[in-house]
């Protein structure tokens, strides 16, 4: 085991193709690194204060909102787009560094993504999740908010499992009933804190599950009543069975590549 500390579900993994084991995949995840959260908090608070001004009765039952065509609504959409572009550039930089490390270790390595997944402009599969975009839905231009979901029209997508299970590269089936979306991953079984408490006496079981994976060291909670409790909320047992999740969305996506049963390396941070 290597000694970097897992602090979030952002990761870089090396995985292999189940059918073509000599093909190695670099799969990574990172978002806007708290910029998106700060933008959301700011505009939510602003929306609440404006809603309090606009409505004299019944406002407690309303979700704070901003009219899309207002100046402040348009400002929010611009900042949202900024966060998405920042997240994409962040992933590009991470991928660049991962490729640089691989090229240093294996000078004869060849990157073949363009050959295996056609119609990619830069040879990299990118899948935004937790975002809003304007799309044509049932003949109307509507805002689609994908929370824990990715676009699944006829594009190539990524559906990770966990740091101890397989993951998938997919092609969307353009299913309008799901608003052209699929899951963005296996998904958690429960919240982080609840899982850490549940598994506090099962750390040996977790390490056994990961014995064939080079992975980051699990950290500990730094604050509050759980201070000192080992944070194992990114271990395989914290996530749903990705095979079961995939079985529920056969009408949404077609698997293009299935990874091996476990990653070779998983760096969380």
Protein backbone atom coordinates (compact mmCIF):
# COMPACT_ATOMS: atom_id res chain seq x y z
CA UNK A 1 0.00 0.00 0.00
CA UNK A 2 1.21 3.51 -0.74
CA UNK A 3 0.85 6.32 1.78
CA UNK A 4 -1.18 9.14 0.30
CA UNK A 5 -4.38 9.83 2.18
CA UNK A 6 -7.92 9.43 0.82
CA UNK A 7 -10.01 12.52 1.55
CA UNK A 8 -12.75 12.53 -1.12
CA UNK A 9 -14.22 10.58 -4.00
CA UNK A 10 -11.99 12.37 -6.50
CA UNK A 11 -9.63 9.82 -7.98
CA UNK A 12 -7.16 8.66 -10.61
CA UNK A 13 -7.31 4.96 -11.49
CA UNK A 14 -5.44 2.59 -13.75
CA UNK A 15 -7.74 -0.16 -15.00
CA UNK A 16 -7.57 -2.88 -17.62
CA UNK A 17 -10.01 -3.96 -20.32
CA UNK A 18 -11.74 -7.21 -19.31
CA UNK A 19 -11.67 -8.54 -22.90
CA UNK A 20 -8.32 -6.98 -23.92
CA UNK A 21 -6.20 -7.07 -20.72
CA UNK A 22 -3.20 -5.56 -22.53
CA UNK A 23 -5.25 -2.35 -22.93
CA UNK A 24 -4.85 -0.16 -19.82
CA UNK A 25 -7.26 2.70 -19.11
CA UNK A 26 -6.67 5.88 -17.13
CA UNK A 27 -9.97 6.89 -15.52
CA UNK A 28 -10.20 9.95 -13.30
CA UNK A 29 -12.77 12.11 -11.60
CA UNK A 30 -12.57 15.66 -10.32
CA UNK A 31 -15.02 18.53 -10.21
CA UNK A 32 -14.64 22.25 -9.63
CA UNK A 33 -12.89 21.72 -6.29
CA UNK A 34 -15.38 23.66 -4.14
CA UNK A 35 -15.79 26.54 -6.61
CA UNK A 36 -19.16 25.13 -7.70
CA UNK A 37 -20.27 24.76 -4.07
CA UNK A 38 -19.34 28.36 -3.29
CA UNK A 39 -21.19 29.59 -6.38
CA UNK A 40 -24.25 27.55 -5.39
CA UNK A 41 -24.19 28.81 -1.79
CA UNK A 42 -23.88 32.45 -2.89
CA UNK A 43 -26.70 32.38 -5.43
CA UNK A 44 -28.97 30.28 -3.18
CA UNK A 45 -28.62 32.86 -0.41
CA UNK A 46 -29.20 35.65 -2.93
CA UNK A 47 -32.28 33.89 -4.32
CA UNK A 48 -33.68 33.45 -0.82
CA UNK A 49 -33.28 37.13 0.02
CA UNK A 50 -34.89 38.16 -3.28
CA UNK A 51 -37.73 35.69 -2.82
CA UNK A 52 -38.36 37.15 0.64
CA UNK A 53 -38.79 40.55 -1.07
CA UNK A 54 -40.98 39.25 -3.90
CA UNK A 55 -43.41 37.17 -1.82
CA UNK A 56 -45.19 38.33 1.34
CA UNK A 57 -47.03 35.07 2.03
CA UNK A 58 -46.23 31.39 1.65
CA UNK A 59 -42.56 31.92 0.84
CA UNK A 60 -41.46 29.37 3.49
CA UNK A 61 -42.78 26.58 1.25
CA UNK A 62 -40.95 27.80 -1.89
CA UNK A 63 -37.57 26.59 -3.03
CA UNK A 64 -35.49 29.76 -3.61
CA UNK A 65 -35.30 30.52 -7.33
CA UNK A 66 -33.97 33.08 -9.79
CA UNK A 67 -35.87 33.96 -12.98
CA UNK A 68 -33.73 32.66 -15.83
CA UNK A 69 -34.10 35.82 -17.91
CA UNK A 70 -33.25 38.22 -15.08
CA UNK A 71 -29.79 39.77 -14.79
CA UNK A 72 -29.03 37.80 -11.64
CA UNK A 73 -30.35 34.57 -13.21
CA UNK A 74 -28.12 35.06 -16.24
CA UNK A 75 -25.18 35.82 -13.92
CA UNK A 76 -25.77 32.53 -12.12
CA UNK A 77 -25.79 30.60 -15.42
CA UNK A 78 -22.52 32.26 -16.47
CA UNK A 79 -20.87 31.33 -13.18
CA UNK A 80 -22.22 27.78 -13.48
CA UNK A 81 -20.64 27.53 -16.92
CA UNK A 82 -17.37 28.84 -15.46
CA UNK A 83 -17.39 26.09 -12.80
CA UNK A 84 -17.99 23.41 -15.44
CA UNK A 85 -15.17 24.72 -17.62
CA UNK A 86 -12.86 24.90 -14.60
CA UNK A 87 -13.70 21.30 -13.69
CA UNK A 88 -13.05 20.17 -17.28
CA UNK A 89 -9.69 21.96 -17.39
CA UNK A 90 -8.82 20.44 -14.03
CA UNK A 91 -9.46 16.95 -15.40
CA UNK A 92 -7.47 17.77 -18.54
CA UNK A 93 -4.48 18.74 -16.39
CA UNK A 94 -4.82 15.59 -14.29
CA UNK A 95 -4.96 13.44 -17.43
CA UNK A 96 -1.95 15.22 -18.90
CA UNK A 97 0.08 14.49 -15.77
CA UNK A 98 -1.06 10.86 -15.66
CA UNK A 99 -0.04 10.38 -19.30
CA UNK A 100 3.29 12.09 -18.65
CA UNK A 101 4.02 9.66 -15.79
CA UNK A 102 3.10 6.67 -17.93
CA UNK A 103 5.27 7.88 -20.81
CA UNK A 104 8.18 8.34 -18.42
CA UNK A 105 7.82 4.81 -17.06
CA UNK A 106 6.91 3.17 -20.38
CA UNK A 107 8.54 5.15 -23.25
CA UNK A 108 7.00 2.94 -25.95
CA UNK A 109 3.41 3.35 -24.68
CA UNK A 110 0.71 4.24 -27.25
CA UNK A 111 -2.55 6.00 -26.45
CA UNK A 112 -5.36 4.44 -28.47
CA UNK A 113 -8.58 5.97 -27.14
CA UNK A 114 -9.46 7.54 -30.49
CA UNK A 115 -9.26 4.14 -32.16
CA UNK A 116 -11.40 2.40 -29.54
CA UNK A 117 -14.02 5.10 -29.02
CA UNK A 118 -14.67 7.00 -32.27
CA UNK A 119 -16.11 10.51 -32.63
CA UNK A 120 -13.92 11.96 -29.87
CA UNK A 121 -12.31 15.24 -30.88
CA UNK A 122 -9.32 14.90 -28.55
CA UNK A 123 -9.19 11.18 -27.83
CA UNK A 124 -10.48 11.67 -24.27
CA UNK A 125 -13.90 10.63 -22.91
CA UNK A 126 -15.40 13.45 -20.81
CA UNK A 127 -18.61 13.11 -18.78
CA UNK A 128 -19.93 16.09 -16.80
CA UNK A 129 -22.31 15.37 -13.92
CA UNK A 130 -24.07 17.64 -11.42
CA UNK A 131 -24.77 20.38 -13.92
CA UNK A 132 -27.54 22.26 -15.73
CA UNK A 133 -27.87 22.75 -19.47
CA UNK A 134 -30.49 23.88 -21.99
CA UNK A 135 -31.67 21.03 -24.24
CA UNK A 136 -34.51 20.28 -26.62
CA UNK A 137 -36.91 18.08 -24.63
CA UNK A 138 -40.26 17.13 -26.21
CA UNK A 139 -39.82 19.92 -28.72
CA UNK A 140 -39.13 22.62 -26.12
CA UNK A 141 -35.91 24.29 -24.96
CA UNK A 142 -35.80 23.32 -21.27
CA UNK A 143 -33.26 23.39 -18.46
CA UNK A 144 -32.06 19.87 -17.60
CA UNK A 145 -30.38 19.41 -14.23
CA UNK A 146 -28.34 16.20 -14.06
CA UNK A 147 -27.58 15.46 -10.41
CA UNK A 148 -25.63 12.21 -10.11
CA UNK A 149 -26.31 11.65 -13.80
CA UNK A 150 -24.54 12.04 -17.14
CA UNK A 151 -25.66 12.75 -20.69
CA UNK A 152 -26.70 9.55 -22.50
CA UNK A 153 -27.76 10.55 -25.99
CA UNK A 154 -25.51 8.82 -28.52
CA UNK A 155 -22.32 10.00 -26.82
CA UNK A 156 -19.60 8.02 -25.05
CA UNK A 157 -19.96 8.07 -21.26
CA UNK A 158 -18.21 6.81 -18.12
CA UNK A 159 -19.88 4.92 -15.25
CA UNK A 160 -17.40 4.12 -12.44
CA UNK A 161 -18.05 1.41 -9.88
CA UNK A 162 -15.79 1.70 -6.83
CA UNK A 163 -12.11 1.42 -5.96
CA UNK A 164 -12.64 -2.33 -5.65
CA UNK A 165 -14.92 -3.11 -8.59
CA UNK A 166 -15.32 -2.87 -12.33
CA UNK A 167 -16.27 0.31 -14.23
CA UNK A 168 -17.83 0.88 -17.64
CA UNK A 169 -17.35 2.96 -20.76
CA UNK A 170 -20.76 3.31 -22.37
CA UNK A 171 -22.66 4.65 -25.37
CA UNK A 172 -25.97 6.40 -24.72
CA UNK A 173 -29.20 5.05 -26.22
CA UNK A 174 -30.89 8.43 -26.61
CA UNK A 175 -33.81 7.49 -24.34
CA UNK A 176 -36.15 10.46 -23.94
CA UNK A 177 -37.91 8.90 -20.94
CA UNK A 178 -34.81 9.47 -18.80
CA UNK A 179 -34.31 12.95 -20.28
CA UNK A 180 -31.40 11.43 -22.22
CA UNK A 181 -29.52 10.59 -19.01
CA UNK A 182 -27.94 7.66 -17.18
CA UNK A 183 -26.34 7.23 -13.76
CA UNK A 184 -22.86 8.68 -13.31
CA UNK A 185 -21.68 5.80 -11.13
CA UNK A 186 -22.66 2.99 -8.80
CA UNK A 187 -23.79 5.40 -6.08
CA UNK A 188 -23.48 5.22 -2.30
CA UNK A 189 -25.39 2.86 -0.04
CA UNK A 190 -25.56 5.45 2.76
CA UNK A 191 -24.00 8.68 3.99
CA UNK A 192 -20.28 8.88 4.76
CA UNK A 193 -20.59 9.33 8.54
CA UNK A 194 -23.12 6.54 8.97
CA UNK A 195 -20.96 4.17 6.95
CA UNK A 196 -17.79 4.98 8.91
CA UNK A 197 -19.58 4.20 12.17
CA UNK A 198 -21.07 0.99 10.78
CA UNK A 199 -17.69 -0.28 9.56
CA UNK A 200 -15.47 0.82 12.46
CA UNK A 201 -14.87 -2.81 13.48
CA UNK A 202 -14.56 -4.16 9.92
CA UNK A 203 -11.33 -2.56 8.66
CA UNK A 204 -9.63 -5.94 8.14
CA UNK A 205 -12.52 -6.97 5.89
CA UNK A 206 -12.06 -3.78 3.86
CA UNK A 207 -8.34 -4.34 3.39
CA UNK A 208 -8.96 -7.93 2.32
CA UNK A 209 -11.33 -6.69 -0.36
CA UNK A 210 -8.57 -4.36 -1.61
CA UNK A 211 -5.59 -6.71 -1.30
CA UNK A 212 -5.00 -6.76 -5.09
CA UNK A 213 -5.38 -2.98 -5.51
CA UNK A 214 -2.60 -0.46 -4.95
CA UNK A 215 -4.58 2.23 -3.19
CA UNK A 216 -4.37 5.36 -1.08
CA UNK A 217 -4.28 5.17 2.70
CA UNK A 218 -7.57 5.74 4.50
CA UNK A 219 -7.51 8.88 6.63
CA UNK A 220 -9.29 9.73 9.87
CA UNK A 221 -11.97 12.23 10.77
CA UNK A 222 -10.39 15.50 11.93
CA UNK A 223 -13.29 17.24 13.65
CA UNK A 224 -16.37 16.79 15.83
CA UNK A 225 -17.49 13.83 17.90
CA UNK A 226 -16.14 11.40 15.28
CA UNK A 227 -12.62 12.83 15.51
CA UNK A 228 -10.10 10.00 15.16
CA UNK A 229 -12.60 7.62 13.50
CA UNK A 230 -11.09 6.05 10.40
CA UNK A 231 -12.67 7.42 7.21
CA UNK A 232 -13.36 4.37 5.04
CA UNK A 233 -16.24 6.01 3.18
CA UNK A 234 -14.53 5.42 -0.19
CA UNK A 235 -14.03 1.67 0.24
CA UNK A 236 -15.85 -0.78 -2.07
CA UNK A 237 -18.42 -1.75 0.54
CA UNK A 238 -19.64 1.87 0.70
CA UNK A 239 -21.00 1.67 -2.85
CA UNK A 240 -23.83 -0.20 -4.51
CA UNK A 241 -23.16 -3.15 -6.80
CA UNK A 242 -22.34 -1.52 -10.15
CA UNK A 243 -23.48 -4.64 -12.03
CA UNK A 244 -26.93 -4.33 -10.46
CA UNK A 245 -27.00 -0.61 -11.27
CA UNK A 246 -26.09 -1.35 -14.89
CA UNK A 247 -28.82 -3.99 -15.11
CA UNK A 248 -31.42 -1.31 -14.25
CA UNK A 249 -30.34 0.99 -17.09
CA UNK A 250 -30.03 -1.36 -20.05
CA UNK A 251 -32.50 0.85 -21.91
CA UNK A 252 -30.34 3.94 -21.26
CA UNK A 253 -26.79 2.88 -22.19
CA UNK A 254 -24.91 0.17 -24.05
CA UNK A 255 -21.61 -1.00 -22.48
CA UNK A 256 -18.73 -0.27 -24.83
CA UNK A 257 -15.88 -1.41 -22.57
CA UNK A 258 -16.08 -3.31 -19.28
CA UNK A 259 -13.04 -2.93 -17.06
CA UNK A 260 -11.47 -5.74 -15.08
CA UNK A 261 -13.01 -6.83 -11.79
CA UNK A 262 -10.80 -4.39 -9.83
CA UNK A 263 -8.62 -1.41 -10.63
CA UNK A 264 -4.86 -1.95 -10.72
CA UNK A 265 -4.19 1.35 -8.93
CA UNK A 266 -6.62 3.74 -7.25
CA UNK A 267 -5.42 7.08 -5.93
CA UNK A 268 -8.07 8.98 -3.97
CA UNK A 269 -7.65 12.54 -2.84
